[in-house]
Each structure stands twice: as C-alpha cells, then as structure tokens.
Amino acid sequence: MPFVHVELFEGRTVEQKAAIAREITETIHKHAGAPKTAINVIFTDLPEGTLFQAGEMRKKN
C-alpha cells in the first residue's frame, strides 16, 4: 500500500491538490503496478516561516 507524502507551501486549492494526486496515483500505478485503490497521497501545507534552506527562511513565491 504506497503512501506518497507531498509538502507544499499553503495556498493550493482542493482542485489543484486533486489534480496532483491523480497524476501521482497514475504514475505509481503505471510504474509500480500498485492498484489505484491502494495508493494514498497525503498533503501537508507548510505555512510561511516553516522552511529554512541554508539557514535562511524560504519564502513562497
């Protein structure tokens, strides 16, 4: 049962996340042979101020 975790800056719509989840599901199904009903995509919305690269806060674009 594959679990795919996706972390994005907050602000994506439910429709955008659904489209991403569909594409991920198709890819895992195609390349790993997992049944679509067993594939789970989990989104975590990152508020600004929670991601730091090289010690510097990363700001969403």
N, C-alpha and C. Protein backbone atom coordinates (compact mmCIF):
# COMPACT_ATOMS: atom_id res chain seq x y z
N MET A 1 0.85 -1.17 0.00
CA MET A 1 0.00 0.00 0.00
C MET A 1 0.90 1.24 0.00
N PRO A 2 1.17 1.84 -1.16
CA PRO A 2 2.04 3.00 -1.22
C PRO A 2 1.43 4.23 -0.55
N PHE A 3 2.29 4.95 0.16
CA PHE A 3 1.94 6.25 0.73
C PHE A 3 2.90 7.27 0.14
N VAL A 4 2.37 8.32 -0.45
CA VAL A 4 3.18 9.39 -1.02
C VAL A 4 2.87 10.66 -0.24
N HIS A 5 3.90 11.24 0.35
CA HIS A 5 3.73 12.47 1.13
C HIS A 5 4.21 13.65 0.28
N VAL A 6 3.37 14.68 0.18
CA VAL A 6 3.69 15.86 -0.60
C VAL A 6 3.61 17.07 0.33
N GLU A 7 4.71 17.80 0.43
CA GLU A 7 4.74 19.00 1.24
C GLU A 7 4.85 20.20 0.31
N LEU A 8 3.93 21.13 0.46
CA LEU A 8 3.86 22.33 -0.37
C LEU A 8 3.59 23.53 0.52
N PHE A 9 4.03 24.71 0.06
CA PHE A 9 3.58 25.90 0.76
C PHE A 9 2.06 25.97 0.65
N GLU A 10 1.42 26.41 1.71
CA GLU A 10 -0.04 26.51 1.70
C GLU A 10 -0.49 27.46 0.60
N GLY A 11 -1.74 27.29 0.17
CA GLY A 11 -2.29 28.18 -0.83
C GLY A 11 -2.82 27.45 -2.06
N ARG A 12 -2.55 26.14 -2.18
CA ARG A 12 -3.12 25.39 -3.30
C ARG A 12 -4.58 25.11 -3.01
N THR A 13 -5.38 25.09 -4.07
CA THR A 13 -6.80 24.79 -3.90
C THR A 13 -6.99 23.27 -3.81
N VAL A 14 -8.16 22.87 -3.36
CA VAL A 14 -8.50 21.45 -3.32
C VAL A 14 -8.45 20.87 -4.74
N GLU A 15 -8.88 21.64 -5.71
CA GLU A 15 -8.86 21.17 -7.10
C GLU A 15 -7.42 20.94 -7.57
N GLN A 16 -6.51 21.83 -7.22
CA GLN A 16 -5.11 21.66 -7.60
C GLN A 16 -4.52 20.41 -6.95
N LYS A 17 -4.81 20.23 -5.67
CA LYS A 17 -4.31 19.04 -4.96
C LYS A 17 -4.89 17.77 -5.56
N ALA A 18 -6.16 17.79 -5.92
CA ALA A 18 -6.79 16.62 -6.54
C ALA A 18 -6.11 16.28 -7.86
N ALA A 19 -5.79 17.28 -8.66
CA ALA A 19 -5.12 17.04 -9.94
C ALA A 19 -3.73 16.44 -9.71
N ILE A 20 -3.01 16.97 -8.74
CA ILE A 20 -1.69 16.43 -8.40
C ILE A 20 -1.82 14.99 -7.93
N ALA A 21 -2.78 14.73 -7.06
CA ALA A 21 -2.98 13.38 -6.53
C ALA A 21 -3.32 12.39 -7.65
N ARG A 22 -4.14 12.81 -8.60
CA ARG A 22 -4.47 11.93 -9.74
C ARG A 22 -3.24 11.57 -10.54
N GLU A 23 -2.40 12.57 -10.82
CA GLU A 23 -1.18 12.32 -11.59
C GLU A 23 -0.22 11.40 -10.84
N ILE A 24 -0.04 11.64 -9.55
CA ILE A 24 0.83 10.78 -8.74
C ILE A 24 0.29 9.36 -8.73
N THR A 25 -1.02 9.22 -8.53
CA THR A 25 -1.65 7.90 -8.49
C THR A 25 -1.43 7.16 -9.80
N GLU A 26 -1.63 7.84 -10.92
CA GLU A 26 -1.42 7.21 -12.23
C GLU A 26 0.02 6.75 -12.40
N THR A 27 0.96 7.58 -11.99
CA THR A 27 2.37 7.25 -12.15
C THR A 27 2.77 6.04 -11.30
N ILE A 28 2.35 6.02 -10.04
CA ILE A 28 2.66 4.89 -9.16
C ILE A 28 2.01 3.62 -9.71
N HIS A 29 0.77 3.72 -10.14
CA HIS A 29 0.06 2.58 -10.71
C HIS A 29 0.80 2.05 -11.95
N LYS A 30 1.19 2.94 -12.82
CA LYS A 30 1.84 2.56 -14.08
C LYS A 30 3.21 1.93 -13.84
N HIS A 31 4.02 2.53 -12.99
CA HIS A 31 5.40 2.10 -12.84
C HIS A 31 5.65 1.11 -11.72
N ALA A 32 4.78 1.07 -10.73
CA ALA A 32 4.97 0.13 -9.61
C ALA A 32 3.96 -1.00 -9.64
N GLY A 33 2.92 -0.86 -10.46
CA GLY A 33 1.92 -1.91 -10.57
C GLY A 33 0.96 -1.98 -9.39
N ALA A 34 0.98 -0.98 -8.54
CA ALA A 34 0.06 -0.98 -7.39
C ALA A 34 -1.34 -0.66 -7.87
N PRO A 35 -2.35 -1.32 -7.29
CA PRO A 35 -3.72 -0.95 -7.66
C PRO A 35 -4.03 0.47 -7.18
N LYS A 36 -4.76 1.20 -7.99
CA LYS A 36 -5.07 2.59 -7.65
C LYS A 36 -5.75 2.72 -6.30
N THR A 37 -6.57 1.75 -5.94
CA THR A 37 -7.29 1.82 -4.67
C THR A 37 -6.36 1.68 -3.46
N ALA A 38 -5.12 1.26 -3.68
CA ALA A 38 -4.17 1.08 -2.57
C ALA A 38 -3.20 2.25 -2.44
N ILE A 39 -3.28 3.21 -3.37
CA ILE A 39 -2.33 4.32 -3.39
C ILE A 39 -2.90 5.50 -2.61
N ASN A 40 -2.11 5.99 -1.67
CA ASN A 40 -2.53 7.09 -0.80
C ASN A 40 -1.61 8.28 -1.00
N VAL A 41 -2.19 9.45 -1.24
CA VAL A 41 -1.43 10.69 -1.38
C VAL A 41 -1.82 11.60 -0.23
N ILE A 42 -0.82 12.04 0.53
CA ILE A 42 -1.05 12.85 1.72
C ILE A 42 -0.38 14.20 1.52
N PHE A 43 -1.15 15.28 1.65
CA PHE A 43 -0.62 16.64 1.51
C PHE A 43 -0.41 17.26 2.88
N THR A 44 0.72 17.94 3.01
CA THR A 44 0.99 18.76 4.19
C THR A 44 1.21 20.18 3.70
N ASP A 45 0.40 21.10 4.18
CA ASP A 45 0.54 22.51 3.82
C ASP A 45 1.52 23.17 4.78
N LEU A 46 2.55 23.77 4.22
CA LEU A 46 3.57 24.42 5.04
C LEU A 46 3.29 25.92 5.12
N PRO A 47 3.04 26.44 6.31
CA PRO A 47 2.88 27.88 6.43
C PRO A 47 4.23 28.56 6.21
N GLU A 48 4.19 29.80 5.75
CA GLU A 48 5.43 30.55 5.59
C GLU A 48 6.12 30.64 6.95
N GLY A 49 7.43 30.51 6.92
CA GLY A 49 8.20 30.56 8.16
C GLY A 49 8.53 29.19 8.71
N THR A 50 8.19 28.13 7.95
CA THR A 50 8.47 26.77 8.43
C THR A 50 9.53 26.05 7.61
N LEU A 51 10.04 26.69 6.55
CA LEU A 51 11.06 26.06 5.72
C LEU A 51 12.29 26.96 5.67
N PHE A 52 13.42 26.39 6.03
CA PHE A 52 14.69 27.12 6.01
C PHE A 52 15.68 26.35 5.15
N GLN A 53 16.31 27.06 4.22
CA GLN A 53 17.35 26.47 3.38
C GLN A 53 18.65 27.20 3.67
N ALA A 54 19.70 26.45 3.96
CA ALA A 54 21.00 27.02 4.28
C ALA A 54 20.90 28.06 5.39
N GLY A 55 20.01 27.82 6.34
CA GLY A 55 19.85 28.71 7.48
C GLY A 55 19.02 29.95 7.23
N GLU A 56 18.48 30.08 6.03
CA GLU A 56 17.67 31.25 5.68
C GLU A 56 16.23 30.84 5.42
N MET A 57 15.30 31.64 5.92
CA MET A 57 13.88 31.33 5.71
C MET A 57 13.54 31.41 4.23
N ARG A 58 12.90 30.38 3.74
CA ARG A 58 12.45 30.35 2.34
C ARG A 58 11.06 30.94 2.27
N LYS A 59 10.86 31.88 1.38
CA LYS A 59 9.54 32.50 1.22
C LYS A 59 8.88 31.95 -0.02
N LYS A 60 7.56 31.75 0.08
CA LYS A 60 6.83 31.28 -1.10
C LYS A 60 6.81 32.37 -2.14
N ASN A 61 6.71 31.94 -3.38
CA ASN A 61 6.71 32.90 -4.50
C ASN A 61 5.36 33.44 -4.76
